[in-house]
PDB file of N, CA and C in Angstrom:
ATOM      1  N   MET A   1      -8.218  -1.604  34.074  1.00  0.00           N
ATOM      2  CA  MET A   1      -8.779  -1.280  32.786  1.00  0.00           C
ATOM      3  C   MET A   1      -8.049  -2.096  31.715  1.00  0.00           C
ATOM      4  N   PRO A   2      -8.769  -2.894  30.953  1.00  0.00           N
ATOM      5  CA  PRO A   2      -8.115  -3.710  29.919  1.00  0.00           C
ATOM      6  C   PRO A   2      -7.662  -2.853  28.737  1.00  0.00           C
ATOM      7  N   ILE A   3      -6.604  -3.302  28.122  1.00  0.00           N
ATOM      8  CA  ILE A   3      -6.090  -2.623  26.937  1.00  0.00           C
ATOM      9  C   ILE A   3      -6.775  -3.215  25.711  1.00  0.00           C
ATOM     10  N   THR A   4      -7.270  -2.346  24.875  1.00  0.00           N
ATOM     11  CA  THR A   4      -7.903  -2.815  23.648  1.00  0.00           C
ATOM     12  C   THR A   4      -7.064  -2.355  22.453  1.00  0.00           C
ATOM     13  N   THR A   5      -7.030  -3.195  21.443  1.00  0.00           N
ATOM     14  CA  THR A   5      -6.302  -2.838  20.228  1.00  0.00           C
ATOM     15  C   THR A   5      -7.292  -2.726  19.077  1.00  0.00           C
ATOM     16  N   LYS A   6      -6.948  -1.919  18.117  1.00  0.00           N
ATOM     17  CA  LYS A   6      -7.806  -1.717  16.962  1.00  0.00           C
ATOM     18  C   LYS A   6      -6.934  -1.789  15.714  1.00  0.00           C
ATOM     19  N   ASN A   7      -7.315  -2.636  14.791  1.00  0.00           N
ATOM     20  CA  ASN A   7      -6.600  -2.717  13.524  1.00  0.00           C
ATOM     21  C   ASN A   7      -7.094  -1.611  12.611  1.00  0.00           C
ATOM     22  N   LEU A   8      -6.164  -0.793  12.146  1.00  0.00           N
ATOM     23  CA  LEU A   8      -6.531   0.272  11.229  1.00  0.00           C
ATOM     24  C   LEU A   8      -6.577  -0.281   9.810  1.00  0.00           C
ATOM     25  N   PRO A   9      -7.539   0.157   9.021  1.00  0.00           N
ATOM     26  CA  PRO A   9      -7.575  -0.290   7.629  1.00  0.00           C
ATOM     27  C   PRO A   9      -6.372   0.267   6.868  1.00  0.00           C
ATOM     28  N   ARG A  10      -5.855  -0.529   5.931  1.00  0.00           N
ATOM     29  CA  ARG A  10      -4.707  -0.105   5.141  1.00  0.00           C
ATOM     30  C   ARG A  10      -5.183   0.385   3.775  1.00  0.00           C
ATOM     31  N   VAL A  11      -4.506   1.419   3.276  1.00  0.00           N
ATOM     32  CA  VAL A  11      -4.717   1.882   1.910  1.00  0.00           C
ATOM     33  C   VAL A  11      -3.354   2.096   1.272  1.00  0.00           C
ATOM     34  N   PHE A  12      -3.325   1.975  -0.026  1.00  0.00           N
ATOM     35  CA  PHE A  12      -2.102   2.182  -0.790  1.00  0.00           C
ATOM     36  C   PHE A  12      -2.301   3.425  -1.639  1.00  0.00           C
ATOM     37  N   ARG A  13      -1.478   4.447  -1.415  1.00  0.00           N
ATOM     38  CA  ARG A  13      -1.630   5.726  -2.109  1.00  0.00           C
ATOM     39  C   ARG A  13      -0.690   5.762  -3.311  1.00  0.00           C
ATOM     40  N   TYR A  14      -1.284   6.064  -4.465  1.00  0.00           N
ATOM     41  CA  TYR A  14      -0.516   6.179  -5.703  1.00  0.00           C
ATOM     42  C   TYR A  14      -1.076   7.333  -6.522  1.00  0.00           C
ATOM     43  N   ASN A  15      -0.221   8.266  -6.873  1.00  0.00           N
ATOM     44  CA  ASN A  15      -0.623   9.441  -7.663  1.00  0.00           C
ATOM     45  C   ASN A  15      -1.806  10.177  -7.050  1.00  0.00           C
ATOM     46  N   GLY A  16      -1.838  10.292  -5.742  1.00  0.00           N
ATOM     47  CA  GLY A  16      -2.890  11.028  -5.064  1.00  0.00           C
ATOM     48  C   GLY A  16      -4.183  10.262  -4.849  1.00  0.00           C
ATOM     49  N   SER A  17      -4.247   9.029  -5.331  1.00  0.00           N
ATOM     50  CA  SER A  17      -5.449   8.206  -5.149  1.00  0.00           C
ATOM     51  C   SER A  17      -5.194   7.140  -4.094  1.00  0.00           C
ATOM     52  N   ASP A  18      -6.202   6.872  -3.290  1.00  0.00           N
ATOM     53  CA  ASP A  18      -6.106   5.816  -2.285  1.00  0.00           C
ATOM     54  C   ASP A  18      -6.753   4.551  -2.819  1.00  0.00           C
ATOM     55  N   ILE A  19      -5.984   3.477  -2.820  1.00  0.00           N
ATOM     56  CA  ILE A  19      -6.466   2.177  -3.275  1.00  0.00           C
ATOM     57  C   ILE A  19      -6.703   1.327  -2.034  1.00  0.00           C
ATOM     58  N   PRO A  20      -7.937   0.867  -1.796  1.00  0.00           N
ATOM     59  CA  PRO A  20      -8.210   0.033  -0.618  1.00  0.00           C
ATOM     60  C   PRO A  20      -7.411  -1.269  -0.677  1.00  0.00           C
ATOM     61  N   ASP A  21      -7.082  -1.777   0.474  1.00  0.00           N
ATOM     62  CA  ASP A  21      -6.297  -3.006   0.585  1.00  0.00           C
ATOM     63  C   ASP A  21      -7.182  -4.216   0.274  1.00  0.00           C
ATOM     64  N   PRO A  22      -6.886  -4.942  -0.821  1.00  0.00           N
ATOM     65  CA  PRO A  22      -7.716  -6.113  -1.149  1.00  0.00           C
ATOM     66  C   PRO A  22      -7.377  -7.342  -0.310  1.00  0.00           C
ATOM     67  N   THR A  23      -6.201  -7.337   0.321  1.00  0.00           N
ATOM     68  CA  THR A  23      -5.749  -8.504   1.089  1.00  0.00           C
ATOM     69  C   THR A  23      -5.135  -8.054   2.413  1.00  0.00           C
ATOM     70  N   PRO A  24      -5.944  -7.646   3.378  1.00  0.00           N
ATOM     71  CA  PRO A  24      -5.391  -7.127   4.635  1.00  0.00           C
ATOM     72  C   PRO A  24      -4.601  -8.143   5.448  1.00  0.00           C
ATOM     73  N   ASP A  25      -4.742  -9.431   5.140  1.00  0.00           N
ATOM     74  CA  ASP A  25      -4.015 -10.445   5.901  1.00  0.00           C
ATOM     75  C   ASP A  25      -2.609 -10.689   5.358  1.00  0.00           C
ATOM     76  N   LEU A  26      -2.270 -10.142   4.195  1.00  0.00           N
ATOM     77  CA  LEU A  26      -0.937 -10.312   3.624  1.00  0.00           C
ATOM     78  C   LEU A  26      -0.022  -9.157   4.020  1.00  0.00           C
ATOM     79  N   LYS A  27       1.280  -9.374   3.886  1.00  0.00           N
ATOM     80  CA  LYS A  27       2.241  -8.308   4.110  1.00  0.00           C
ATOM     81  C   LYS A  27       2.078  -7.268   3.012  1.00  0.00           C
ATOM     82  N   PRO A  28       2.458  -6.014   3.276  1.00  0.00           N
ATOM     83  CA  PRO A  28       2.263  -4.964   2.274  1.00  0.00           C
ATOM     84  C   PRO A  28       2.901  -5.267   0.913  1.00  0.00           C
ATOM     85  N   GLN A  29       4.105  -5.815   0.884  1.00  0.00           N
ATOM     86  CA  GLN A  29       4.745  -6.101  -0.398  1.00  0.00           C
ATOM     87  C   GLN A  29       3.987  -7.186  -1.169  1.00  0.00           C
ATOM     88  N   ALA A  30       3.476  -8.169  -0.465  1.00  0.00           N
ATOM     89  CA  ALA A  30       2.680  -9.214  -1.115  1.00  0.00           C
ATOM     90  C   ALA A  30       1.376  -8.639  -1.658  1.00  0.00           C
ATOM     91  N   THR A  31       0.788  -7.702  -0.937  1.00  0.00           N
ATOM     92  CA  THR A  31      -0.417  -7.041  -1.421  1.00  0.00           C
ATOM     93  C   THR A  31      -0.112  -6.228  -2.668  1.00  0.00           C
ATOM     94  N   LEU A  32       1.055  -5.607  -2.711  1.00  0.00           N
ATOM     95  CA  LEU A  32       1.456  -4.861  -3.901  1.00  0.00           C
ATOM     96  C   LEU A  32       1.563  -5.788  -5.111  1.00  0.00           C
ATOM     97  N   ASP A  33       2.033  -7.004  -4.891  1.00  0.00           N
ATOM     98  CA  ASP A  33       2.103  -7.995  -5.973  1.00  0.00           C
ATOM     99  C   ASP A  33       0.701  -8.342  -6.479  1.00  0.00           C
ATOM    100  N   VAL A  34      -0.258  -8.434  -5.572  1.00  0.00           N
ATOM    101  CA  VAL A  34      -1.647  -8.705  -5.968  1.00  0.00           C
ATOM    102  C   VAL A  34      -2.204  -7.521  -6.760  1.00  0.00           C
ATOM    103  N   LEU A  35      -1.917  -6.311  -6.309  1.00  0.00           N
ATOM    104  CA  LEU A  35      -2.407  -5.123  -7.001  1.00  0.00           C
ATOM    105  C   LEU A  35      -1.756  -4.942  -8.371  1.00  0.00           C
ATOM    106  N   ALA A  36      -0.590  -5.542  -8.585  1.00  0.00           N
ATOM    107  CA  ALA A  36       0.115  -5.415  -9.867  1.00  0.00           C
ATOM    108  C   ALA A  36      -0.671  -6.039 -11.015  1.00  0.00           C
ATOM    109  N   VAL A  37      -1.636  -6.901 -10.709  1.00  0.00           N
ATOM    110  CA  VAL A  37      -2.490  -7.459 -11.755  1.00  0.00           C
ATOM    111  C   VAL A  37      -3.318  -6.343 -12.396  1.00  0.00           C
ATOM    112  N   SER A  38      -3.834  -5.438 -11.564  1.00  0.00           N
ATOM    113  CA  SER A  38      -4.635  -4.318 -12.063  1.00  0.00           C
ATOM    114  C   SER A  38      -3.789  -3.092 -12.384  1.00  0.00           C
ATOM    115  N   TYR A  39      -2.647  -2.965 -11.707  1.00  0.00           N
ATOM    116  CA  TYR A  39      -1.750  -1.831 -11.889  1.00  0.00           C
ATOM    117  C   TYR A  39      -0.368  -2.376 -12.262  1.00  0.00           C
ATOM    118  N   PRO A  40      -0.113  -2.637 -13.544  1.00  0.00           N
ATOM    119  CA  PRO A  40       1.150  -3.265 -13.954  1.00  0.00           C
ATOM    120  C   PRO A  40       2.396  -2.480 -13.531  1.00  0.00           C
ATOM    121  N   GLN A  41       2.265  -1.174 -13.374  1.00  0.00           N
ATOM    122  CA  GLN A  41       3.408  -0.363 -12.965  1.00  0.00           C
ATOM    123  C   GLN A  41       3.859  -0.678 -11.547  1.00  0.00           C
ATOM    124  N   PHE A  42       3.046  -1.391 -10.775  1.00  0.00           N
ATOM    125  CA  PHE A  42       3.406  -1.769  -9.409  1.00  0.00           C
ATOM    126  C   PHE A  42       4.379  -2.950  -9.377  1.00  0.00           C
ATOM    127  N   ALA A  43       4.618  -3.598 -10.506  1.00  0.00           N
ATOM    128  CA  ALA A  43       5.468  -4.790 -10.529  1.00  0.00           C
ATOM    129  C   ALA A  43       6.873  -4.494 -10.008  1.00  0.00           C
ATOM    130  N   ASN A  44       7.382  -3.305 -10.246  1.00  0.00           N
ATOM    131  CA  ASN A  44       8.731  -2.941  -9.786  1.00  0.00           C
ATOM    132  C   ASN A  44       8.704  -1.764  -8.820  1.00  0.00           C
ATOM    133  N   ALA A  45       7.582  -1.538  -8.194  1.00  0.00           N
ATOM    134  CA  ALA A  45       7.424  -0.403  -7.287  1.00  0.00           C
ATOM    135  C   ALA A  45       7.942  -0.741  -5.895  1.00  0.00           C
ATOM    136  N   ILE A  46       8.163   0.293  -5.115  1.00  0.00           N
ATOM    137  CA  ILE A  46       8.523   0.137  -3.707  1.00  0.00           C
ATOM    138  C   ILE A  46       7.448   0.801  -2.864  1.00  0.00           C
ATOM    139  N   ILE A  47       7.408   0.431  -1.599  1.00  0.00           N
ATOM    140  CA  ILE A  47       6.413   0.968  -0.671  1.00  0.00           C
ATOM    141  C   ILE A  47       7.140   1.782   0.396  1.00  0.00           C
ATOM    142  N   GLU A  48       6.597   2.942   0.701  1.00  0.00           N
ATOM    143  CA  GLU A  48       7.085   3.754   1.812  1.00  0.00           C
ATOM    144  C   GLU A  48       5.987   3.830   2.863  1.00  0.00           C
ATOM    145  N   GLY A  49       6.400   3.845   4.116  1.00  0.00           N
ATOM    146  CA  GLY A  49       5.412   3.977   5.181  1.00  0.00           C
ATOM    147  C   GLY A  49       5.315   2.712   5.996  1.00  0.00           C
ATOM    148  N   PRO A  50       4.313   2.619   6.775  1.00  0.00           N
ATOM    149  CA  PRO A  50       3.053   3.350   6.732  1.00  0.00           C
ATOM    150  C   PRO A  50       3.073   4.611   7.586  1.00  0.00           C
ATOM    151  N   SER A  51       2.115   5.463   7.310  1.00  0.00           N
ATOM    152  CA  SER A  51       1.847   6.606   8.163  1.00  0.00           C
ATOM    153  C   SER A  51       0.369   6.545   8.533  1.00  0.00           C
ATOM    154  N   ALA A  52       0.069   6.951   9.740  1.00  0.00           N
ATOM    155  CA  ALA A  52      -1.323   6.938  10.206  1.00  0.00           C
ATOM    156  C   ALA A  52      -1.973   8.261   9.847  1.00  0.00           C
ATOM    157  N   GLU A  53      -3.042   8.179   9.056  1.00  0.00           N
ATOM    158  CA  GLU A  53      -3.774   9.376   8.640  1.00  0.00           C
ATOM    159  C   GLU A  53      -5.272   9.089   8.691  1.00  0.00           C
ATOM    160  N   ASP A  54      -5.997   9.923   9.387  1.00  0.00           N
ATOM    161  CA  ASP A  54      -7.462   9.834   9.430  1.00  0.00           C
ATOM    162  C   ASP A  54      -7.974   8.436   9.751  1.00  0.00           C
ATOM    163  N   GLY A  55      -7.357   7.771  10.690  1.00  0.00           N
ATOM    164  CA  GLY A  55      -7.831   6.461  11.122  1.00  0.00           C
ATOM    165  C   GLY A  55      -7.504   5.324  10.184  1.00  0.00           C
ATOM    166  N   LYS A  56      -6.485   5.497   9.329  1.00  0.00           N
ATOM    167  CA  LYS A  56      -6.070   4.410   8.445  1.00  0.00           C
ATOM    168  C   LYS A  56      -4.554   4.442   8.282  1.00  0.00           C
ATOM    169  N   LEU A  57      -4.003   3.297   7.931  1.00  0.00           N
ATOM    170  CA  LEU A  57      -2.572   3.212   7.650  1.00  0.00           C
ATOM    171  C   LEU A  57      -2.363   3.432   6.162  1.00  0.00           C
ATOM    172  N   VAL A  58      -1.551   4.418   5.822  1.00  0.00           N
ATOM    173  CA  VAL A  58      -1.335   4.769   4.426  1.00  0.00           C
ATOM    174  C   VAL A  58       0.070   4.338   4.014  1.00  0.00           C
ATOM    175  N   PHE A  59       0.121   3.474   3.000  1.00  0.00           N
ATOM    176  CA  PHE A  59       1.374   3.057   2.388  1.00  0.00           C
ATOM    177  C   PHE A  59       1.485   3.802   1.063  1.00  0.00           C
ATOM    178  N   THR A  60       2.593   4.488   0.841  1.00  0.00           N
ATOM    179  CA  THR A  60       2.789   5.235  -0.395  1.00  0.00           C
ATOM    180  C   THR A  60       3.545   4.365  -1.386  1.00  0.00           C
ATOM    181  N   VAL A  61       2.997   4.223  -2.578  1.00  0.00           N
ATOM    182  CA  VAL A  61       3.599   3.406  -3.628  1.00  0.00           C
ATOM    183  C   VAL A  61       4.442   4.316  -4.511  1.00  0.00           C
ATOM    184  N   LYS A  62       5.727   3.985  -4.636  1.00  0.00           N
ATOM    185  CA  LYS A  62       6.653   4.752  -5.472  1.00  0.00           C
ATOM    186  C   LYS A  62       7.062   3.901  -6.656  1.00  0.00           C
ATOM    187  N   VAL A  63       6.749   4.398  -7.835  1.00  0.00           N
ATOM    188  CA  VAL A  63       7.103   3.701  -9.061  1.00  0.00           C
ATOM    189  C   VAL A  63       8.314   4.415  -9.654  1.00  0.00           C
ATOM    190  N   SER A  64       9.373   3.653  -9.887  1.00  0.00           N
ATOM    191  CA  SER A  64      10.562   4.279 -10.458  1.00  0.00           C
ATOM    192  C   SER A  64      10.418   4.311 -11.976  1.00  0.00           C
ATOM    193  N   ALA A  65      10.635   5.481 -12.521  1.00  0.00           N
ATOM    194  CA  ALA A  65      10.581   5.635 -13.982  1.00  0.00           C
ATOM    195  C   ALA A  65      11.945   5.298 -14.533  1.00  0.00           C
ATOM    196  N   GLY A  66      12.030   4.190 -15.213  1.00  0.00           N
ATOM    197  CA  GLY A  66      13.302   3.748 -15.748  1.00  0.00           C
ATOM    198  C   GLY A  66      13.521   4.255 -17.158  1.00  0.00           C
ATOM    199  N   THR A  67      14.765   4.162 -17.587  1.00  0.00           N
ATOM    200  CA  THR A  67      15.088   4.510 -18.961  1.00  0.00           C
ATOM    201  C   THR A  67      15.514   3.256 -19.682  1.00  0.00           C
ATOM    202  N   LYS A  68      15.237   3.226 -20.927  1.00  0.00           N
ATOM    203  CA  LYS A  68      15.529   2.045 -21.720  1.00  0.00           C
ATOM    204  C   LYS A  68      16.780   2.284 -22.557  1.00  0.00           C
ATOM    205  N   GLY A  69      17.657   1.275 -22.578  1.00  0.00           N
ATOM    206  CA  GLY A  69      18.835   1.364 -23.435  1.00  0.00           C
ATOM    207  C   GLY A  69      19.932   1.998 -22.768  1.00  0.00           C
TER     208      GLY A  69
END
């Protein structure tokens, strides 16, 4: 019996919302850089995961709230 592999779709979860992966061929951090164009708060964010949920790989985006001064 041959072994078959299946690529799970990736999503990036931020504030309870799932953002579809616009660049599945890039590494997750590089994809986060692409998403930073639409989500500027992602510029200094970190990624946790992935975890497999409901047939997809979920990367959780953590934005650190910094203080100024």
